[in-house]
Amino acid sequence: MMGKIIFYENKNFGGRYYECMSDCSDLHSMFERCRSIRVESGMFMIYDRPSYMGNQYFMKRGEYSDYMGMTGMNDCVRSCRMIPMVRPSHGSNFRMRLYEHFDMGGQMMELMDDCPNLMDRFRNFNFNSCNVMDGHWLLYEQPNYRGRHYYLRPGMYRSFSDWSGNSSRIGSLRRLMDL
């Protein structure tokens, strides 16, 4: 199933717009500012800098008539990434290892499901690296899926800066799947 996101220059879906159905590393040539967004299908991460860098925000199906007011981000949407839809079967499609130190060092914690509070579960909230073996995940800086969040797809992240994090603090995480 394909995803589709529409970026509008004005609030309430007004003005010029641009439709996107895949990853786009540089949206600046398509529009100058973004004040509202409609996600018709799928899930996307949007970024305020080109090449999937900078602040990021998760967008699922829905209408966001005042994008800036809702997210607290500026009107600069410069890149977007479509998140593949996954239908898990018995949890086997999701697996991640979090590490206490950089380069997959120190104590390791393995997860296969959502975790609303990493401190309660592992007595730790500082993780400096991770290995996403299966699935696509959102990491949140605060417990209960609040605060800044970061999109991780399969791969090795040798430092929290690899997922654009400003610190090693992770309060919660959840799997991204087709619900």
N, C-alpha and C. Protein backbone atom coordinates (compact mmCIF):
# COMPACT_ATOMS: atom_id res chain seq x y z
N MET A 1 0.84 -1.18 0.00
CA MET A 1 0.00 0.00 0.00
C MET A 1 0.89 1.24 0.00
N MET A 2 0.57 2.17 -0.85
CA MET A 2 1.33 3.42 -0.97
C MET A 2 0.82 4.43 0.04
N GLY A 3 1.70 5.34 0.41
CA GLY A 3 1.31 6.45 1.26
C GLY A 3 1.17 7.71 0.43
N LYS A 4 0.41 8.66 0.98
CA LYS A 4 0.24 9.93 0.28
C LYS A 4 0.10 11.04 1.31
N ILE A 5 0.97 12.05 1.18
CA ILE A 5 0.94 13.21 2.05
C ILE A 5 0.87 14.46 1.17
N ILE A 6 0.09 15.45 1.62
CA ILE A 6 -0.07 16.69 0.86
C ILE A 6 0.32 17.85 1.77
N PHE A 7 1.24 18.67 1.29
CA PHE A 7 1.73 19.85 2.02
C PHE A 7 1.07 21.09 1.43
N TYR A 8 0.51 21.94 2.29
CA TYR A 8 -0.15 23.17 1.85
C TYR A 8 0.61 24.38 2.41
N GLU A 9 0.68 25.44 1.62
CA GLU A 9 1.40 26.64 2.05
C GLU A 9 0.66 27.43 3.13
N ASN A 10 -0.66 27.32 3.19
CA ASN A 10 -1.44 28.09 4.16
C ASN A 10 -2.19 27.18 5.11
N LYS A 11 -2.65 27.76 6.23
CA LYS A 11 -3.48 27.04 7.18
C LYS A 11 -4.77 26.59 6.50
N ASN A 12 -5.42 25.61 7.08
CA ASN A 12 -6.71 25.11 6.61
C ASN A 12 -6.68 24.67 5.15
N PHE A 13 -5.55 24.11 4.74
CA PHE A 13 -5.38 23.49 3.42
C PHE A 13 -5.57 24.48 2.28
N GLY A 14 -5.09 25.69 2.47
CA GLY A 14 -5.21 26.72 1.45
C GLY A 14 -3.88 26.97 0.74
N GLY A 15 -3.98 27.67 -0.37
CA GLY A 15 -2.79 28.05 -1.12
C GLY A 15 -2.25 26.92 -1.98
N ARG A 16 -1.04 27.13 -2.45
CA ARG A 16 -0.39 26.11 -3.27
C ARG A 16 -0.16 24.86 -2.44
N TYR A 17 -0.12 23.72 -3.13
CA TYR A 17 0.12 22.46 -2.42
C TYR A 17 1.01 21.56 -3.25
N TYR A 18 1.56 20.57 -2.56
CA TYR A 18 2.42 19.59 -3.21
C TYR A 18 2.09 18.21 -2.65
N GLU A 19 1.81 17.27 -3.55
CA GLU A 19 1.51 15.89 -3.17
C GLU A 19 2.76 15.04 -3.26
N CYS A 20 2.95 14.18 -2.28
CA CYS A 20 4.14 13.33 -2.23
C CYS A 20 3.72 11.91 -1.87
N MET A 21 4.28 10.93 -2.58
CA MET A 21 3.94 9.53 -2.33
C MET A 21 5.16 8.66 -2.08
N SER A 22 6.29 9.29 -1.78
CA SER A 22 7.51 8.52 -1.50
C SER A 22 8.47 9.40 -0.72
N ASP A 23 9.66 8.90 -0.47
CA ASP A 23 10.69 9.70 0.19
C ASP A 23 11.06 10.88 -0.70
N CYS A 24 11.33 12.01 -0.07
CA CYS A 24 11.81 13.18 -0.80
C CYS A 24 12.85 13.88 0.07
N SER A 25 14.09 13.89 -0.39
CA SER A 25 15.19 14.41 0.42
C SER A 25 15.30 15.94 0.39
N ASP A 26 14.63 16.61 -0.57
CA ASP A 26 14.68 18.06 -0.61
C ASP A 26 13.37 18.61 -1.19
N LEU A 27 12.51 19.10 -0.30
CA LEU A 27 11.21 19.63 -0.71
C LEU A 27 11.24 21.13 -0.98
N HIS A 28 12.36 21.79 -0.74
CA HIS A 28 12.41 23.25 -0.85
C HIS A 28 12.02 23.76 -2.23
N SER A 29 12.36 23.03 -3.27
CA SER A 29 12.01 23.48 -4.61
C SER A 29 10.53 23.31 -4.91
N MET A 30 9.82 22.53 -4.10
CA MET A 30 8.39 22.28 -4.33
C MET A 30 7.51 23.36 -3.68
N PHE A 31 7.93 23.85 -2.51
CA PHE A 31 7.18 24.89 -1.81
C PHE A 31 8.11 25.59 -0.82
N GLU A 32 7.77 26.84 -0.49
CA GLU A 32 8.63 27.60 0.42
C GLU A 32 8.27 27.43 1.88
N ARG A 33 7.00 27.33 2.18
CA ARG A 33 6.57 27.16 3.56
C ARG A 33 5.42 26.15 3.63
N CYS A 34 5.21 25.63 4.82
CA CYS A 34 4.15 24.65 5.02
C CYS A 34 3.38 25.02 6.28
N ARG A 35 2.08 25.23 6.14
CA ARG A 35 1.27 25.62 7.30
C ARG A 35 0.18 24.60 7.61
N SER A 36 -0.11 23.70 6.67
CA SER A 36 -1.06 22.62 6.96
C SER A 36 -0.69 21.39 6.13
N ILE A 37 -1.10 20.24 6.66
CA ILE A 37 -0.72 18.96 6.05
C ILE A 37 -1.90 18.01 6.12
N ARG A 38 -2.07 17.24 5.06
CA ARG A 38 -3.08 16.18 5.04
C ARG A 38 -2.36 14.88 4.68
N VAL A 39 -2.49 13.87 5.53
CA VAL A 39 -1.94 12.55 5.24
C VAL A 39 -3.13 11.69 4.84
N GLU A 40 -3.23 11.39 3.55
CA GLU A 40 -4.36 10.61 3.06
C GLU A 40 -4.20 9.12 3.31
N SER A 41 -2.96 8.64 3.28
CA SER A 41 -2.71 7.24 3.59
C SER A 41 -1.26 7.07 4.01
N GLY A 42 -1.02 6.05 4.80
CA GLY A 42 0.33 5.75 5.23
C GLY A 42 0.80 6.58 6.41
N MET A 43 2.10 6.48 6.68
CA MET A 43 2.75 7.20 7.77
C MET A 43 4.02 7.82 7.21
N PHE A 44 4.36 9.01 7.72
CA PHE A 44 5.53 9.75 7.25
C PHE A 44 6.26 10.38 8.43
N MET A 45 7.56 10.56 8.26
CA MET A 45 8.34 11.44 9.12
C MET A 45 8.65 12.66 8.28
N ILE A 46 8.46 13.84 8.86
CA ILE A 46 8.82 15.06 8.17
C ILE A 46 9.98 15.70 8.94
N TYR A 47 10.83 16.41 8.22
CA TYR A 47 12.05 16.99 8.79
C TYR A 47 12.13 18.46 8.40
N ASP A 48 12.74 19.26 9.27
CA ASP A 48 12.85 20.69 8.97
C ASP A 48 14.13 21.04 8.23
N ARG A 49 14.92 20.03 7.86
CA ARG A 49 16.12 20.24 7.06
C ARG A 49 16.16 19.22 5.93
N PRO A 50 16.84 19.53 4.84
CA PRO A 50 16.96 18.56 3.74
C PRO A 50 17.70 17.29 4.20
N SER A 51 17.58 16.26 3.40
CA SER A 51 18.29 14.99 3.60
C SER A 51 17.96 14.33 4.93
N TYR A 52 16.69 14.47 5.38
CA TYR A 52 16.19 13.78 6.57
C TYR A 52 16.96 14.16 7.82
N MET A 53 17.29 15.42 7.94
CA MET A 53 18.07 15.92 9.08
C MET A 53 17.23 16.93 9.86
N GLY A 54 17.71 17.26 11.05
CA GLY A 54 17.07 18.28 11.87
C GLY A 54 15.93 17.73 12.69
N ASN A 55 15.07 18.65 13.14
CA ASN A 55 13.89 18.24 13.91
C ASN A 55 12.99 17.39 13.04
N GLN A 56 12.38 16.39 13.68
CA GLN A 56 11.50 15.49 12.94
C GLN A 56 10.17 15.34 13.65
N TYR A 57 9.15 15.04 12.87
CA TYR A 57 7.81 14.88 13.44
C TYR A 57 7.10 13.75 12.72
N PHE A 58 6.47 12.88 13.48
CA PHE A 58 5.74 11.73 12.96
C PHE A 58 4.34 12.16 12.53
N MET A 59 3.96 11.78 11.33
CA MET A 59 2.63 12.12 10.80
C MET A 59 1.93 10.83 10.39
N LYS A 60 0.75 10.59 10.96
CA LYS A 60 -0.06 9.46 10.55
C LYS A 60 -1.30 9.98 9.82
N ARG A 61 -2.10 9.08 9.32
CA ARG A 61 -3.28 9.48 8.55
C ARG A 61 -4.12 10.48 9.34
N GLY A 62 -4.45 11.58 8.68
CA GLY A 62 -5.26 12.60 9.32
C GLY A 62 -5.07 13.96 8.68
N GLU A 63 -5.80 14.93 9.20
CA GLU A 63 -5.73 16.30 8.71
C GLU A 63 -5.14 17.19 9.80
N TYR A 64 -4.16 17.98 9.41
CA TYR A 64 -3.47 18.88 10.32
C TYR A 64 -3.62 20.29 9.76
N SER A 65 -4.74 20.94 10.11
CA SER A 65 -5.09 22.22 9.50
C SER A 65 -4.19 23.36 9.96
N ASP A 66 -3.55 23.21 11.12
CA ASP A 66 -2.61 24.22 11.62
C ASP A 66 -1.37 23.46 12.08
N TYR A 67 -0.59 23.04 11.12
CA TYR A 67 0.58 22.21 11.39
C TYR A 67 1.52 22.86 12.39
N MET A 68 1.80 24.13 12.25
CA MET A 68 2.76 24.82 13.12
C MET A 68 2.24 24.90 14.55
N GLY A 69 0.97 25.21 14.73
CA GLY A 69 0.40 25.30 16.07
C GLY A 69 0.36 23.96 16.78
N MET A 70 0.14 22.90 16.03
CA MET A 70 0.03 21.57 16.61
C MET A 70 1.38 21.01 17.02
N THR A 71 2.40 21.22 16.20
CA THR A 71 3.69 20.59 16.45
C THR A 71 4.67 21.48 17.19
N GLY A 72 4.46 22.79 17.12
CA GLY A 72 5.44 23.70 17.70
C GLY A 72 6.67 23.87 16.82
N MET A 73 6.65 23.24 15.65
CA MET A 73 7.77 23.37 14.71
C MET A 73 7.54 24.59 13.83
N ASN A 74 8.57 24.97 13.11
CA ASN A 74 8.45 26.10 12.20
C ASN A 74 7.80 25.66 10.89
N ASP A 75 7.67 26.58 9.96
CA ASP A 75 7.00 26.27 8.70
C ASP A 75 7.94 25.71 7.63
N CYS A 76 9.12 25.34 8.04
CA CYS A 76 10.11 24.80 7.10
C CYS A 76 10.06 23.27 7.10
N VAL A 77 9.32 22.71 6.19
CA VAL A 77 9.36 21.27 5.98
C VAL A 77 10.26 21.07 4.77
N ARG A 78 11.41 20.45 4.96
CA ARG A 78 12.41 20.37 3.90
C ARG A 78 12.63 18.96 3.37
N SER A 79 12.17 17.94 4.09
CA SER A 79 12.27 16.57 3.56
C SER A 79 11.23 15.71 4.26
N CYS A 80 10.88 14.60 3.64
CA CYS A 80 9.94 13.66 4.25
C CYS A 80 10.32 12.24 3.85
N ARG A 81 9.99 11.33 4.73
CA ARG A 81 10.30 9.92 4.50
C ARG A 81 9.05 9.10 4.78
N MET A 82 8.67 8.27 3.80
CA MET A 82 7.52 7.39 3.98
C MET A 82 7.95 6.20 4.83
N ILE A 83 7.13 5.85 5.81
CA ILE A 83 7.40 4.71 6.68
C ILE A 83 6.65 3.51 6.13
N PRO A 84 7.35 2.42 5.84
CA PRO A 84 6.68 1.24 5.30
C PRO A 84 5.65 0.69 6.28
N MET A 85 4.55 0.24 5.74
CA MET A 85 3.50 -0.36 6.56
C MET A 85 3.86 -1.81 6.84
N VAL A 86 3.78 -2.19 8.11
CA VAL A 86 4.10 -3.55 8.52
C VAL A 86 2.91 -4.10 9.29
N ARG A 87 2.52 -5.30 8.96
CA ARG A 87 1.49 -6.00 9.73
C ARG A 87 2.20 -7.11 10.50
N PRO A 88 2.39 -6.90 11.81
CA PRO A 88 3.16 -7.89 12.58
C PRO A 88 2.43 -9.22 12.72
N SER A 89 3.21 -10.28 12.75
CA SER A 89 2.66 -11.60 13.01
C SER A 89 3.35 -12.15 14.24
N HIS A 90 2.64 -12.18 15.34
CA HIS A 90 3.15 -12.70 16.61
C HIS A 90 4.41 -11.98 17.07
N GLY A 91 4.53 -10.68 16.77
CA GLY A 91 5.64 -9.88 17.26
C GLY A 91 6.98 -10.16 16.59
N SER A 92 7.02 -11.09 15.65
CA SER A 92 8.30 -11.48 15.06
C SER A 92 8.87 -10.44 14.10
N ASN A 93 8.09 -9.44 13.73
CA ASN A 93 8.57 -8.44 12.78
C ASN A 93 9.26 -7.26 13.44
N PHE A 94 9.46 -7.30 14.76
CA PHE A 94 10.05 -6.18 15.47
C PHE A 94 11.09 -6.70 16.47
N ARG A 95 12.30 -6.15 16.36
CA ARG A 95 13.36 -6.51 17.29
C ARG A 95 14.42 -5.43 17.30
N MET A 96 14.75 -4.95 18.50
CA MET A 96 15.72 -3.88 18.66
C MET A 96 16.56 -4.16 19.91
N ARG A 97 17.83 -3.80 19.83
CA ARG A 97 18.71 -3.87 20.99
C ARG A 97 19.22 -2.48 21.31
N LEU A 98 19.04 -2.06 22.55
CA LEU A 98 19.56 -0.78 23.05
C LEU A 98 20.80 -1.06 23.87
N TYR A 99 21.80 -0.20 23.72
CA TYR A 99 23.07 -0.38 24.42
C TYR A 99 23.37 0.84 25.29
N GLU A 100 23.97 0.56 26.41
CA GLU A 100 24.32 1.59 27.37
C GLU A 100 25.42 2.53 26.85
N HIS A 101 26.38 1.99 26.09
CA HIS A 101 27.52 2.77 25.62
C HIS A 101 27.52 2.91 24.10
N PHE A 102 28.39 3.76 23.60
CA PHE A 102 28.56 3.94 22.16
C PHE A 102 29.06 2.65 21.52
N ASP A 103 28.88 2.51 20.22
CA ASP A 103 29.38 1.37 19.44
C ASP A 103 28.94 0.02 19.98
N MET A 104 27.70 -0.08 20.42
CA MET A 104 27.09 -1.32 20.91
C MET A 104 27.84 -1.90 22.10
N GLY A 105 28.29 -1.04 22.99
CA GLY A 105 29.02 -1.49 24.17
C GLY A 105 28.20 -1.40 25.44
N GLY A 106 28.68 -2.04 26.47
CA GLY A 106 28.02 -2.00 27.77
C GLY A 106 26.80 -2.90 27.83
N GLN A 107 25.97 -2.65 28.82
CA GLN A 107 24.77 -3.47 29.01
C GLN A 107 23.84 -3.33 27.81
N MET A 108 23.23 -4.47 27.41
CA MET A 108 22.32 -4.52 26.27
C MET A 108 20.93 -4.90 26.76
N MET A 109 19.91 -4.23 26.20
CA MET A 109 18.51 -4.54 26.47
C MET A 109 17.81 -4.82 25.15
N GLU A 110 17.13 -5.94 25.05
CA GLU A 110 16.45 -6.29 23.80
C GLU A 110 14.95 -6.08 23.95
N LEU A 111 14.34 -5.53 22.91
CA LEU A 111 12.90 -5.28 22.89
C LEU A 111 12.28 -5.84 21.63
N MET A 112 11.05 -6.32 21.79
CA MET A 112 10.27 -6.80 20.65
C MET A 112 8.87 -6.20 20.64
N ASP A 113 8.60 -5.32 21.62
CA ASP A 113 7.29 -4.70 21.71
C ASP A 113 7.42 -3.27 22.22
N ASP A 114 6.30 -2.56 22.28
CA ASP A 114 6.29 -1.18 22.76
C ASP A 114 6.70 -1.15 24.23
N CYS A 115 7.28 -0.04 24.64
CA CYS A 115 7.66 0.14 26.04
C CYS A 115 7.35 1.58 26.43
N PRO A 116 6.30 1.80 27.26
CA PRO A 116 5.93 3.16 27.64
C PRO A 116 6.88 3.82 28.64
N ASN A 117 7.70 3.01 29.35
CA ASN A 117 8.61 3.60 30.33
C ASN A 117 9.85 2.72 30.46
N LEU A 118 10.93 3.14 29.80
CA LEU A 118 12.17 2.36 29.83
C LEU A 118 12.83 2.36 31.22
N MET A 119 12.66 3.42 31.98
CA MET A 119 13.24 3.47 33.32
C MET A 119 12.59 2.42 34.22
N ASP A 120 11.28 2.28 34.15
CA ASP A 120 10.59 1.27 34.95
C ASP A 120 11.00 -0.14 34.53
N ARG A 121 11.15 -0.34 33.24
CA ARG A 121 11.44 -1.70 32.73
C ARG A 121 12.89 -2.11 32.90
N PHE A 122 13.81 -1.18 32.62
CA PHE A 122 15.24 -1.54 32.62
C PHE A 122 16.06 -0.78 33.66
N ARG A 123 15.45 0.12 34.42
CA ARG A 123 16.18 0.95 35.39
C ARG A 123 17.25 1.80 34.70
N ASN A 124 16.96 2.19 33.48
CA ASN A 124 17.90 2.98 32.71
C ASN A 124 17.12 3.81 31.69
N PHE A 125 17.56 5.02 31.42
CA PHE A 125 16.97 5.82 30.35
C PHE A 125 18.04 6.45 29.48
N ASN A 126 19.30 6.13 29.73
CA ASN A 126 20.39 6.62 28.88
C ASN A 126 20.91 5.49 28.01
N PHE A 127 20.72 5.64 26.71
CA PHE A 127 21.16 4.65 25.75
C PHE A 127 21.95 5.38 24.67
N ASN A 128 23.15 4.94 24.42
CA ASN A 128 24.03 5.65 23.50
C ASN A 128 24.14 5.02 22.13
N SER A 129 23.62 3.81 21.95
CA SER A 129 23.64 3.18 20.63
C SER A 129 22.55 2.12 20.58
N CYS A 130 22.23 1.68 19.37
CA CYS A 130 21.23 0.62 19.23
C CYS A 130 21.39 -0.08 17.89
N ASN A 131 20.80 -1.25 17.83
CA ASN A 131 20.76 -2.05 16.61
C ASN A 131 19.31 -2.43 16.36
N VAL A 132 18.73 -1.89 15.29
CA VAL A 132 17.36 -2.23 14.92
C VAL A 132 17.47 -3.39 13.93
N MET A 133 17.10 -4.57 14.39
CA MET A 133 17.20 -5.76 13.55
C MET A 133 15.96 -5.96 12.69
N ASP A 134 14.79 -5.66 13.25
CA ASP A 134 13.54 -5.83 12.51
C ASP A 134 12.57 -4.72 12.87
N GLY A 135 11.85 -4.25 11.88
CA GLY A 135 10.79 -3.29 12.10
C GLY A 135 11.25 -1.84 12.10
N HIS A 136 10.28 -0.97 12.21
CA HIS A 136 10.49 0.47 12.24
C HIS A 136 9.94 0.97 13.56
N TRP A 137 10.69 1.88 14.22
CA TRP A 137 10.40 2.29 15.59
C TRP A 137 10.42 3.80 15.74
N LEU A 138 9.71 4.28 16.77
CA LEU A 138 9.81 5.66 17.22
C LEU A 138 10.35 5.66 18.63
N LEU A 139 11.43 6.41 18.85
CA LEU A 139 12.00 6.59 20.19
C LEU A 139 11.54 7.96 20.69
N TYR A 140 11.14 8.03 21.94
CA TYR A 140 10.69 9.28 22.56
C TYR A 140 11.63 9.65 23.71
N GLU A 141 11.88 10.93 23.89
CA GLU A 141 12.76 11.37 24.97
C GLU A 141 12.13 11.20 26.35
N GLN A 142 10.80 11.20 26.44
CA GLN A 142 10.13 11.11 27.72
C GLN A 142 9.26 9.86 27.80
N PRO A 143 8.94 9.41 29.01
CA PRO A 143 8.04 8.27 29.15
C PRO A 143 6.66 8.55 28.56
N ASN A 144 5.92 7.49 28.32
CA ASN A 144 4.54 7.56 27.83
C ASN A 144 4.41 8.25 26.48
N TYR A 145 5.43 8.06 25.63
CA TYR A 145 5.40 8.51 24.24
C TYR A 145 5.21 10.02 24.11
N ARG A 146 5.99 10.76 24.90
CA ARG A 146 5.91 12.21 24.88
C ARG A 146 7.28 12.80 24.56
N GLY A 147 7.26 14.06 24.16
CA GLY A 147 8.50 14.78 23.88
C GLY A 147 9.00 14.55 22.46
N ARG A 148 10.21 14.99 22.23
CA ARG A 148 10.82 14.80 20.90
C ARG A 148 10.89 13.32 20.60
N HIS A 149 10.74 13.01 19.34
CA HIS A 149 10.81 11.61 18.95
C HIS A 149 11.67 11.44 17.71
N TYR A 150 12.16 10.21 17.54
CA TYR A 150 13.11 9.91 16.48
C TYR A 150 12.72 8.62 15.79
N TYR A 151 12.78 8.66 14.49
CA TYR A 151 12.43 7.50 13.66
C TYR A 151 13.67 6.65 13.42
N LEU A 152 13.55 5.35 13.69
CA LEU A 152 14.63 4.41 13.42
C LEU A 152 14.12 3.29 12.55
N ARG A 153 14.84 3.05 11.47
CA ARG A 153 14.54 1.92 10.61
C ARG A 153 15.66 0.90 10.78
N PRO A 154 15.56 -0.29 10.21
CA PRO A 154 16.60 -1.29 10.43
C PRO A 154 18.00 -0.77 10.12
N GLY A 155 18.91 -1.06 11.03
CA GLY A 155 20.29 -0.64 10.87
C GLY A 155 20.97 -0.47 12.22
N MET A 156 22.26 -0.17 12.17
CA MET A 156 23.04 0.04 13.38
C MET A 156 23.24 1.54 13.59
N TYR A 157 22.99 1.98 14.80
CA TYR A 157 23.14 3.37 15.20
C TYR A 157 24.21 3.39 16.29
N ARG A 158 25.43 3.72 15.91
CA ARG A 158 26.58 3.63 16.83
C ARG A 158 26.60 4.73 17.89
N SER A 159 25.79 5.76 17.69
CA SER A 159 25.70 6.87 18.63
C SER A 159 24.30 7.46 18.54
N PHE A 160 23.84 8.07 19.63
CA PHE A 160 22.52 8.71 19.59
C PHE A 160 22.46 9.80 18.53
N SER A 161 23.59 10.38 18.16
CA SER A 161 23.58 11.40 17.11
C SER A 161 23.25 10.78 15.74
N ASP A 162 23.44 9.47 15.58
CA ASP A 162 23.08 8.79 14.33
C ASP A 162 21.57 8.80 14.08
N TRP A 163 20.77 8.90 15.14
CA TRP A 163 19.33 9.01 14.95
C TRP A 163 18.87 10.46 15.19
N SER A 164 19.80 11.39 15.13
CA SER A 164 19.55 12.84 15.26
C SER A 164 19.18 13.24 16.68
N GLY A 165 19.50 12.41 17.65
CA GLY A 165 19.21 12.74 19.03
C GLY A 165 20.16 13.80 19.58
N ASN A 166 19.63 14.62 20.48
CA ASN A 166 20.44 15.64 21.14
C ASN A 166 21.06 15.12 22.42
N SER A 167 20.52 14.04 22.94
CA SER A 167 21.07 13.41 24.15
C SER A 167 20.79 11.92 24.09
N SER A 168 21.36 11.20 25.03
CA SER A 168 21.18 9.75 25.05
C SER A 168 19.92 9.34 25.81
N ARG A 169 19.16 10.30 26.27
CA ARG A 169 17.96 10.00 27.07
C ARG A 169 16.82 9.51 26.18
N ILE A 170 16.31 8.33 26.50
CA ILE A 170 15.14 7.77 25.84
C ILE A 170 14.17 7.32 26.93
N GLY A 171 12.97 7.86 26.92
CA GLY A 171 11.99 7.52 27.95
C GLY A 171 11.03 6.43 27.56
N SER A 172 10.75 6.29 26.25
CA SER A 172 9.81 5.28 25.78
C SER A 172 10.05 5.02 24.30
N LEU A 173 9.48 3.94 23.81
CA LEU A 173 9.57 3.65 22.38
C LEU A 173 8.38 2.81 21.95
N ARG A 174 8.05 2.93 20.67
CA ARG A 174 6.94 2.14 20.13
C ARG A 174 7.23 1.70 18.72
N ARG A 175 6.61 0.58 18.38
CA ARG A 175 6.74 0.03 17.04
C ARG A 175 5.83 0.80 16.09
N LEU A 176 6.27 0.96 14.86
CA LEU A 176 5.44 1.60 13.83
C LEU A 176 4.88 0.50 12.95
N MET A 177 3.56 0.36 13.00
CA MET A 177 2.92 -0.69 12.22
C MET A 177 1.57 -0.22 11.72
N ASP A 178 1.08 -0.94 10.76
CA ASP A 178 -0.24 -0.67 10.20
C ASP A 178 -1.28 -1.16 11.19
N LEU A 179 -1.96 -0.20 11.83
CA LEU A 179 -2.96 -0.58 12.81
C LEU A 179 -4.33 -0.66 12.17
